[in-house]
């Protein structure tokens, strides 16, 4: 898992934990507005779990599909990777030479 996706995952986990803690802390508070807010928060948490699950499944499916394509066409994949690396290297070299 990349650093960015791990950071996003940790942030979402922290947000979910904070929301659960807020729900637990307000469980004894009476009032229509608090009750309604707790219900909306519970629905939002459940929806976010479902969305995260779907996104994760799509990412895994995409990685599996890419793996199949690369295994079926290894030389084309290497050629594309080489060309992409050459282009990135050229652009980086150009930007570094402009700074000097």
N, C-alpha and C. Protein backbone atom coordinates (compact mmCIF):
# COMPACT_ATOMS: atom_id res chain seq x y z
N UNK A 1 0.85 -1.17 0.00
CA UNK A 1 0.00 0.00 0.00
C UNK A 1 0.89 1.23 0.00
N UNK A 2 0.57 2.21 -0.84
CA UNK A 2 1.40 3.41 -0.93
C UNK A 2 1.22 4.27 0.32
N UNK A 3 2.15 5.20 0.49
CA UNK A 3 2.12 6.06 1.67
C UNK A 3 0.86 6.93 1.69
N UNK A 4 0.46 7.43 0.51
CA UNK A 4 -0.72 8.29 0.45
C UNK A 4 -1.99 7.52 0.78
N UNK A 5 -2.12 6.34 0.20
CA UNK A 5 -3.34 5.56 0.47
C UNK A 5 -3.37 5.08 1.91
N UNK A 6 -2.20 4.80 2.47
CA UNK A 6 -2.14 4.39 3.87
C UNK A 6 -2.52 5.58 4.77
N UNK A 7 -2.08 6.78 4.41
CA UNK A 7 -2.41 7.97 5.19
C UNK A 7 -3.91 8.25 5.12
N UNK A 8 -4.49 8.09 3.93
CA UNK A 8 -5.94 8.29 3.77
C UNK A 8 -6.70 7.26 4.59
N UNK A 9 -6.23 6.00 4.53
CA UNK A 9 -6.87 4.93 5.29
C UNK A 9 -6.82 5.21 6.79
N UNK A 10 -5.68 5.68 7.28
CA UNK A 10 -5.54 6.00 8.69
C UNK A 10 -6.43 7.19 9.08
N UNK A 11 -6.51 8.18 8.20
CA UNK A 11 -7.36 9.34 8.48
C UNK A 11 -8.83 8.95 8.54
N UNK A 12 -9.26 8.11 7.61
CA UNK A 12 -10.65 7.65 7.62
C UNK A 12 -10.95 6.80 8.84
N UNK A 13 -10.00 5.96 9.22
CA UNK A 13 -10.18 5.14 10.41
C UNK A 13 -10.29 6.01 11.65
N UNK A 14 -9.45 7.02 11.72
CA UNK A 14 -9.47 7.95 12.85
C UNK A 14 -10.79 8.71 12.90
N UNK A 15 -11.27 9.13 11.73
CA UNK A 15 -12.55 9.84 11.66
C UNK A 15 -13.69 8.94 12.13
N UNK A 16 -13.67 7.68 11.68
CA UNK A 16 -14.71 6.75 12.10
C UNK A 16 -14.66 6.50 13.60
N UNK A 17 -13.46 6.36 14.16
CA UNK A 17 -13.32 6.15 15.61
C UNK A 17 -13.83 7.36 16.38
N UNK A 18 -13.50 8.57 15.90
CA UNK A 18 -13.97 9.78 16.56
C UNK A 18 -15.49 9.88 16.50
N UNK A 19 -16.06 9.50 15.37
CA UNK A 19 -17.53 9.55 15.24
C UNK A 19 -18.18 8.54 16.18
N UNK A 20 -17.60 7.35 16.28
CA UNK A 20 -18.15 6.35 17.21
C UNK A 20 -18.02 6.83 18.66
N UNK A 21 -16.89 7.47 18.98
CA UNK A 21 -16.71 7.99 20.34
C UNK A 21 -17.72 9.10 20.63
N UNK A 22 -17.98 9.94 19.64
CA UNK A 22 -18.99 10.98 19.82
C UNK A 22 -20.37 10.38 20.03
N UNK A 23 -20.69 9.35 19.29
CA UNK A 23 -21.98 8.69 19.47
C UNK A 23 -22.09 8.07 20.86
N UNK A 24 -21.00 7.46 21.33
CA UNK A 24 -21.01 6.86 22.66
C UNK A 24 -21.12 7.94 23.74
N UNK A 25 -20.44 9.06 23.54
CA UNK A 25 -20.46 10.13 24.55
C UNK A 25 -21.82 10.80 24.63
N UNK A 26 -22.55 10.82 23.54
CA UNK A 26 -23.85 11.50 23.53
C UNK A 26 -25.02 10.52 23.69
N UNK A 27 -24.72 9.29 24.04
CA UNK A 27 -25.79 8.29 24.14
C UNK A 27 -26.77 8.61 25.27
N UNK A 28 -26.30 9.25 26.33
CA UNK A 28 -27.19 9.56 27.45
C UNK A 28 -27.83 10.94 27.34
N UNK A 29 -27.44 11.70 26.32
CA UNK A 29 -28.00 13.04 26.14
C UNK A 29 -29.37 12.93 25.47
N UNK A 30 -30.34 13.55 26.10
CA UNK A 30 -31.70 13.53 25.56
C UNK A 30 -31.90 14.74 24.67
N UNK A 31 -32.80 14.61 23.78
CA UNK A 31 -33.12 15.74 22.91
C UNK A 31 -33.32 15.26 21.49
N UNK A 32 -34.26 15.90 20.85
CA UNK A 32 -34.62 15.50 19.49
C UNK A 32 -33.49 15.80 18.51
N UNK A 33 -32.84 16.96 18.65
CA UNK A 33 -31.77 17.34 17.72
C UNK A 33 -30.57 16.42 17.85
N UNK A 34 -30.21 16.07 19.08
CA UNK A 34 -29.07 15.18 19.30
C UNK A 34 -29.39 13.79 18.75
N UNK A 35 -30.59 13.33 18.99
CA UNK A 35 -31.00 12.02 18.49
C UNK A 35 -30.97 11.98 16.97
N UNK A 36 -31.47 13.04 16.35
CA UNK A 36 -31.48 13.11 14.89
C UNK A 36 -30.05 13.16 14.34
N UNK A 37 -29.19 13.93 14.98
CA UNK A 37 -27.80 14.03 14.55
C UNK A 37 -27.08 12.69 14.68
N UNK A 38 -27.36 11.97 15.76
CA UNK A 38 -26.75 10.64 15.95
C UNK A 38 -27.20 9.68 14.86
N UNK A 39 -28.47 9.75 14.48
CA UNK A 39 -28.98 8.88 13.42
C UNK A 39 -28.31 9.20 12.09
N UNK A 40 -28.18 10.49 11.79
CA UNK A 40 -27.53 10.89 10.53
C UNK A 40 -26.07 10.47 10.52
N UNK A 41 -25.41 10.58 11.66
CA UNK A 41 -24.02 10.17 11.76
C UNK A 41 -23.88 8.67 11.56
N UNK A 42 -24.78 7.90 12.14
CA UNK A 42 -24.74 6.44 11.97
C UNK A 42 -24.96 6.06 10.51
N UNK A 43 -25.87 6.73 9.84
CA UNK A 43 -26.12 6.46 8.42
C UNK A 43 -24.89 6.84 7.59
N UNK A 44 -24.29 7.97 7.90
CA UNK A 44 -23.10 8.41 7.16
C UNK A 44 -21.95 7.44 7.35
N UNK A 45 -21.77 6.93 8.56
CA UNK A 45 -20.71 5.95 8.81
C UNK A 45 -20.95 4.67 8.01
N UNK A 46 -22.19 4.21 7.99
CA UNK A 46 -22.51 2.99 7.25
C UNK A 46 -22.30 3.19 5.75
N UNK A 47 -22.72 4.35 5.24
CA UNK A 47 -22.52 4.64 3.82
C UNK A 47 -21.03 4.71 3.47
N UNK A 48 -20.24 5.31 4.35
CA UNK A 48 -18.81 5.41 4.07
C UNK A 48 -18.16 4.03 4.08
N UNK A 49 -18.61 3.13 4.93
CA UNK A 49 -18.08 1.76 4.92
C UNK A 49 -18.38 1.09 3.59
N UNK A 50 -19.59 1.26 3.10
CA UNK A 50 -19.97 0.64 1.83
C UNK A 50 -19.19 1.23 0.67
N UNK A 51 -19.03 2.54 0.65
CA UNK A 51 -18.28 3.18 -0.43
C UNK A 51 -16.82 2.75 -0.40
N UNK A 52 -16.23 2.70 0.78
CA UNK A 52 -14.84 2.26 0.91
C UNK A 52 -14.69 0.83 0.42
N UNK A 53 -15.62 -0.03 0.77
CA UNK A 53 -15.57 -1.42 0.33
C UNK A 53 -15.64 -1.53 -1.18
N UNK A 54 -16.54 -0.76 -1.81
CA UNK A 54 -16.66 -0.80 -3.27
C UNK A 54 -15.40 -0.27 -3.94
N UNK A 55 -14.85 0.83 -3.43
CA UNK A 55 -13.62 1.38 -4.01
C UNK A 55 -12.46 0.41 -3.87
N UNK A 56 -12.40 -0.25 -2.75
CA UNK A 56 -11.32 -1.22 -2.54
C UNK A 56 -11.46 -2.40 -3.51
N UNK A 57 -12.68 -2.88 -3.69
CA UNK A 57 -12.91 -3.97 -4.64
C UNK A 57 -12.55 -3.56 -6.06
N UNK A 58 -12.91 -2.33 -6.46
CA UNK A 58 -12.57 -1.85 -7.80
C UNK A 58 -11.06 -1.75 -7.97
N UNK A 59 -10.37 -1.28 -6.95
CA UNK A 59 -8.91 -1.16 -7.03
C UNK A 59 -8.27 -2.54 -7.16
N UNK A 60 -8.76 -3.49 -6.41
CA UNK A 60 -8.22 -4.85 -6.49
C UNK A 60 -8.50 -5.46 -7.85
N UNK A 61 -9.72 -5.25 -8.36
CA UNK A 61 -10.06 -5.76 -9.69
C UNK A 61 -9.19 -5.13 -10.77
N UNK A 62 -8.93 -3.83 -10.65
CA UNK A 62 -8.06 -3.15 -11.61
C UNK A 62 -6.64 -3.67 -11.56
N UNK A 63 -6.14 -3.92 -10.37
CA UNK A 63 -4.78 -4.45 -10.23
C UNK A 63 -4.69 -5.86 -10.80
N UNK A 64 -5.72 -6.66 -10.58
CA UNK A 64 -5.72 -8.01 -11.14
C UNK A 64 -5.78 -7.98 -12.66
N UNK A 65 -6.59 -7.07 -13.22
CA UNK A 65 -6.69 -6.95 -14.67
C UNK A 65 -5.36 -6.49 -15.26
N UNK A 66 -4.70 -5.55 -14.61
CA UNK A 66 -3.40 -5.08 -15.09
C UNK A 66 -2.38 -6.21 -15.02
N UNK A 67 -2.44 -7.01 -13.98
CA UNK A 67 -1.52 -8.14 -13.85
C UNK A 67 -1.72 -9.14 -14.99
N UNK A 68 -2.96 -9.41 -15.33
CA UNK A 68 -3.24 -10.34 -16.43
C UNK A 68 -2.70 -9.80 -17.75
N UNK A 69 -2.93 -8.51 -18.01
CA UNK A 69 -2.47 -7.90 -19.26
C UNK A 69 -0.95 -7.93 -19.34
N UNK A 70 -0.29 -7.60 -18.24
CA UNK A 70 1.18 -7.60 -18.24
C UNK A 70 1.72 -9.01 -18.42
N UNK A 71 1.10 -10.00 -17.81
CA UNK A 71 1.56 -11.38 -17.97
C UNK A 71 1.32 -11.90 -19.38
N UNK A 72 0.26 -11.45 -20.03
CA UNK A 72 -0.02 -11.89 -21.40
C UNK A 72 0.86 -11.17 -22.42
N UNK A 73 1.28 -9.95 -22.12
CA UNK A 73 2.07 -9.13 -23.05
C UNK A 73 3.29 -8.55 -22.34
N UNK A 74 4.25 -9.37 -21.94
CA UNK A 74 5.36 -8.83 -21.15
C UNK A 74 6.26 -7.88 -21.93
N UNK A 75 6.51 -8.15 -23.21
CA UNK A 75 7.41 -7.28 -23.96
C UNK A 75 6.78 -5.93 -24.25
N UNK A 76 5.49 -5.91 -24.54
CA UNK A 76 4.82 -4.64 -24.76
C UNK A 76 4.80 -3.82 -23.47
N UNK A 77 4.57 -4.50 -22.34
CA UNK A 77 4.56 -3.80 -21.05
C UNK A 77 5.94 -3.20 -20.75
N UNK A 78 6.98 -3.97 -21.04
CA UNK A 78 8.34 -3.44 -20.81
C UNK A 78 8.61 -2.26 -21.73
N UNK A 79 8.16 -2.33 -22.97
CA UNK A 79 8.35 -1.22 -23.91
C UNK A 79 7.63 0.03 -23.45
N UNK A 80 6.42 -0.12 -22.98
CA UNK A 80 5.66 1.03 -22.48
C UNK A 80 6.34 1.62 -21.26
N UNK A 81 6.80 0.76 -20.36
CA UNK A 81 7.48 1.24 -19.16
C UNK A 81 8.77 1.96 -19.52
N UNK A 82 9.51 1.43 -20.48
CA UNK A 82 10.75 2.07 -20.92
C UNK A 82 10.46 3.43 -21.54
N UNK A 83 9.46 3.49 -22.41
CA UNK A 83 9.11 4.76 -23.05
C UNK A 83 8.64 5.79 -22.01
N UNK A 84 7.81 5.37 -21.07
CA UNK A 84 7.34 6.29 -20.04
C UNK A 84 8.50 6.78 -19.19
N UNK A 85 9.43 5.88 -18.84
CA UNK A 85 10.60 6.28 -18.06
C UNK A 85 11.48 7.25 -18.82
N UNK A 86 11.64 7.01 -20.12
CA UNK A 86 12.46 7.91 -20.94
C UNK A 86 11.83 9.29 -21.02
N UNK A 87 10.53 9.35 -21.18
CA UNK A 87 9.84 10.64 -21.27
C UNK A 87 9.96 11.39 -19.94
N UNK A 88 9.72 10.70 -18.84
CA UNK A 88 9.83 11.35 -17.52
C UNK A 88 11.25 11.81 -17.29
N UNK A 89 12.23 10.98 -17.62
CA UNK A 89 13.64 11.37 -17.47
C UNK A 89 14.00 12.58 -18.30
N UNK A 90 13.52 12.60 -19.54
CA UNK A 90 13.76 13.75 -20.41
C UNK A 90 13.17 15.03 -19.82
N UNK A 91 11.93 14.94 -19.37
CA UNK A 91 11.27 16.12 -18.80
C UNK A 91 11.96 16.59 -17.53
N UNK A 92 12.38 15.65 -16.68
CA UNK A 92 13.10 16.04 -15.46
C UNK A 92 14.45 16.67 -15.79
N UNK A 93 15.16 16.11 -16.76
CA UNK A 93 16.45 16.65 -17.15
C UNK A 93 16.28 18.06 -17.72
N UNK A 94 15.23 18.27 -18.47
CA UNK A 94 14.98 19.59 -19.04
C UNK A 94 14.66 20.61 -17.95
N UNK A 95 13.85 20.20 -16.99
CA UNK A 95 13.49 21.15 -15.92
C UNK A 95 14.69 21.45 -15.03
N UNK A 96 15.56 20.45 -14.83
CA UNK A 96 16.76 20.69 -14.00
C UNK A 96 17.75 21.60 -14.72
N UNK A 97 17.87 21.45 -16.06
CA UNK A 97 18.80 22.29 -16.79
C UNK A 97 18.31 23.73 -16.86
N UNK A 98 17.03 23.96 -16.79
CA UNK A 98 16.49 25.33 -16.80
C UNK A 98 16.77 26.04 -15.49
N UNK A 99 16.82 25.28 -14.39
CA UNK A 99 17.04 25.88 -13.08
C UNK A 99 18.48 26.34 -12.90
N UNK A 100 19.41 25.75 -13.62
CA UNK A 100 20.83 26.12 -13.47
C UNK A 100 21.17 27.34 -14.21
